[in-house]
Amino acid sequence: MEALEAILTRRSTRRFSAEMPDKKTVEAIIDAGRHAPSGGNNQTTHFIVISDPAVLSELVVLVREAFAKMEVYPGMYSSMKNNVIAAKAGKLVFHYNAPILIVTANRKGYGNALADSACALENMMIAANAMDLGTCWINQLHWLDEDPVIREYMYSLGLEENETITGGLVIGYGEGGLPVRSELPRTGNPVTWVE
């Protein structure tokens, strides 16, 4: 698949099969993330790759409990609101049962932490699509970065104390085999030309 096709056909996959992608493929996807641009070529994005089903199950419980403690308030970001409602109903499975979760982290106080990680996550999503794997950007751990229970558990998985959780990505085979690639028309993201 050519680069432009991999970009234009990438969609979020939220239904995964239990089949684990082979490690070499996952390593190649992570390498694509590691080759993303970073401010000043700092290369400080930390990739925490989780494929242990027991760890993923524990994270589901911890994330569900953290969101269940929150209250919905007027103006709450709709995705966060949906997470709180699902968590209170005991139904939040933030990683869509994908077999792999890659959490990105970066240095606290570093002005390009989110931008650098976003570039890495996008590179990995495009690479995964080119390799016939589905992905979905995962923000829940970023939103819970200050939650002491989540941070403590993430420390046990390799997060450093001087790091902030910047995002995440789930990877796996789509429930139907190939990732979701249905066309999604662009109705936003306006373009202004100044010529």
Foldseek 3Di string as FASTA:
>chain_A
DDLVLLQQQADAFLAFDLDDDDPVLVVVLLVLLQPFDFVVSPSFKDKQKDQPPVLLVVVQVVLLVVLCPDDDDPPPDVVSVVSNVCSVVVRDSQQSNFRMKIWIKGFPPDPCGQVSNVRSQSSSSSSLLVVQKHKDKGCSCQVCQVPPVSVVSVVVSPDDPRMGTRTMMGIHAHPVGGYRRDHDDDPDDDDDDDD
